[in-house]
Structure formats: C-alpha cells, structure tokens
C-alpha cells in the first residue's frame, strides 16, 4: 500500500482519546477516514491482523468501562488470542482506542509525537 494513503482512524466518537486524536488530525490538516466500530462493527479480517501484528493484550482495554462491566467469569474466559478476538468482535468498545491504520503502519492509542513522525 502507498505510504501516502489516507489513514483510517478506528474508534468511537464519544471516546475522549478519539476526540483528542481527531482534533490533532484536524489541527494538522490531515485527511482521514473515520470508522465508528460501535456503529459499523469491526471488520474481522482487520481485527485479526491487528491481533497478529500487536498481540491481543495490546488491543484489549482492561481499564475501560466495557471490560469492568463484564462479570468475572466472562473476564476470566479471555485468556488467549482467540477468546480476546471473540470478545472484541462481540463488544467492540473493549478494543483500546483509537486504532490508526495507514498502509502497513498500525498504531493503538494516541501519541502526538508518534503520530507526527508517522503522518507529518
């Protein structure tokens, strides 16, 4: 894929970190596509690729309210990539956000300095 390809930002619009990321992109006049995975879902092949590239632990947000609302048995059932992938597909809000994809580059979370190096 081209390095100049428009990035895709995955997340949910009401997330504070996603808002910061979107504001940063707007301030830097970087065109991007926004994929609301609460409304549009998460493409299974993309999510599986993220898990392969980063590991499921990097993608699973265990500090968020979605995770904390799960009962202890459901939390305990997440112990490997397959079980984490199933939960993330079932409840996309448990995915750490935002996820930024640009060509073969993949970032999770918002770090202005890192994004500047990648997109600037």
Protein backbone atom coordinates (compact mmCIF):
# COMPACT_ATOMS: atom_id res chain seq x y z
CA UNK A 1 0.00 0.00 0.00
CA UNK A 2 1.12 3.51 -0.65
CA UNK A 3 2.78 5.44 2.17
CA UNK A 4 0.69 8.46 1.12
CA UNK A 5 -2.56 6.55 1.56
CA UNK A 6 -5.23 8.29 3.64
CA UNK A 7 -5.17 6.92 7.18
CA UNK A 8 -8.17 5.21 8.73
CA UNK A 9 -8.99 6.00 12.34
CA UNK A 10 -10.99 3.32 14.13
CA UNK A 11 -12.82 4.14 17.33
CA UNK A 12 -15.99 5.53 18.80
CA UNK A 13 -16.78 9.23 18.54
CA UNK A 14 -17.65 9.77 22.20
CA UNK A 15 -14.27 8.48 23.48
CA UNK A 16 -12.10 11.28 24.91
CA UNK A 17 -8.91 9.85 23.39
CA UNK A 18 -10.55 9.51 19.98
CA UNK A 19 -11.71 13.14 20.25
CA UNK A 20 -8.13 14.24 21.02
CA UNK A 21 -6.83 12.23 18.07
CA UNK A 22 -9.45 13.67 15.72
CA UNK A 23 -8.69 17.20 16.93
CA UNK A 24 -4.98 16.62 16.38
CA UNK A 25 -5.63 15.35 12.83
CA UNK A 26 -7.81 18.40 12.09
CA UNK A 27 -5.21 20.82 13.53
CA UNK A 28 -2.57 19.27 11.28
CA UNK A 29 -4.90 19.27 8.23
CA UNK A 30 -4.53 15.52 7.79
CA UNK A 31 -7.35 13.97 5.81
CA UNK A 32 -8.50 10.64 7.19
CA UNK A 33 -11.40 8.22 7.15
CA UNK A 34 -13.22 7.60 10.44
CA UNK A 35 -14.60 4.13 11.12
CA UNK A 36 -17.02 4.06 14.07
CA UNK A 37 -16.79 0.48 15.16
CA UNK A 38 -19.70 0.76 17.50
CA UNK A 39 -21.96 1.56 14.56
CA UNK A 40 -20.10 -0.08 11.68
CA UNK A 41 -18.62 -3.01 13.55
CA UNK A 42 -15.02 -4.09 13.29
CA UNK A 43 -14.01 -5.98 10.17
CA UNK A 44 -12.94 -9.41 11.43
CA UNK A 45 -10.01 -9.72 8.99
CA UNK A 46 -8.69 -6.31 10.07
CA UNK A 47 -9.04 -7.12 13.77
CA UNK A 48 -7.35 -10.49 13.31
CA UNK A 49 -4.49 -8.71 11.53
CA UNK A 50 -4.16 -6.23 14.39
CA UNK A 51 -4.03 -9.09 16.89
CA UNK A 52 -1.36 -10.83 14.78
CA UNK A 53 0.69 -7.63 14.49
CA UNK A 54 0.38 -6.28 18.04
CA UNK A 55 -0.84 -9.11 20.20
CA UNK A 56 -4.26 -9.31 21.79
CA UNK A 57 -3.03 -7.86 25.07
CA UNK A 58 -2.16 -4.56 23.38
CA UNK A 59 -5.66 -4.26 21.92
CA UNK A 60 -7.80 -5.37 24.84
CA UNK A 61 -8.72 -2.41 27.04
CA UNK A 62 -8.97 -3.84 30.53
CA UNK A 63 -9.23 -0.40 32.12
CA UNK A 64 -12.37 0.73 30.31
CA UNK A 65 -15.95 0.58 31.50
CA UNK A 66 -16.93 -2.11 28.99
CA UNK A 67 -14.38 -4.51 30.49
CA UNK A 68 -15.25 -3.56 34.06
CA UNK A 69 -18.94 -4.21 33.41
CA UNK A 70 -18.25 -7.79 32.33
CA UNK A 71 -18.82 -10.37 35.04
CA UNK A 72 -15.76 -12.08 36.50
CA UNK A 73 -16.42 -15.33 34.63
CA UNK A 74 -16.54 -13.54 31.26
CA UNK A 75 -13.32 -11.67 32.07
CA UNK A 76 -11.61 -14.90 33.15
CA UNK A 77 -12.66 -16.55 29.88
CA UNK A 78 -10.40 -14.15 27.96
CA UNK A 79 -7.05 -15.90 28.14
CA UNK A 80 -5.69 -16.10 24.60
CA UNK A 81 -5.91 -14.50 21.16
CA UNK A 82 -8.99 -16.48 20.08
CA UNK A 83 -11.03 -15.64 23.19
CA UNK A 84 -9.95 -11.99 23.08
CA UNK A 85 -10.80 -11.74 19.37
CA UNK A 86 -14.26 -13.20 20.01
CA UNK A 87 -14.93 -10.67 22.79
CA UNK A 88 -13.64 -7.73 20.71
CA UNK A 89 -15.89 -8.71 17.80
CA UNK A 90 -18.87 -9.12 20.14
CA UNK A 91 -18.20 -5.89 22.08
CA UNK A 92 -16.01 -3.51 20.04
CA UNK A 93 -15.96 -0.98 22.89
CA UNK A 94 -13.49 -3.25 24.68
CA UNK A 95 -10.87 -2.51 21.99
CA UNK A 96 -8.28 0.03 23.07
CA UNK A 97 -8.65 3.16 21.00
CA UNK A 98 -8.06 4.77 18.74
CA UNK A 99 -6.59 2.39 16.22
CA UNK A 100 -4.82 4.18 13.38
CA UNK A 101 -4.06 2.33 10.15
CA UNK A 102 -2.09 3.83 7.31
CA UNK A 103 -0.91 1.36 4.71
CA UNK A 104 1.08 -1.24 6.60
CA UNK A 105 1.53 1.05 9.64
CA UNK A 106 -0.61 0.36 12.70
CA UNK A 107 -0.85 2.32 15.95
CA UNK A 108 -3.06 1.83 19.01
CA UNK A 109 -3.72 4.71 21.34
CA UNK A 110 -2.92 8.36 20.70
CA UNK A 111 0.62 9.69 20.97
CA UNK A 112 1.01 13.07 19.25
CA UNK A 113 4.77 12.71 18.78
CA UNK A 114 4.49 9.26 17.25
CA UNK A 115 1.63 10.34 15.03
CA UNK A 116 3.65 13.36 13.89
CA UNK A 117 6.51 11.07 12.84
CA UNK A 118 4.10 8.74 11.03
CA UNK A 119 1.78 11.27 9.40
CA UNK A 120 3.70 14.54 9.44
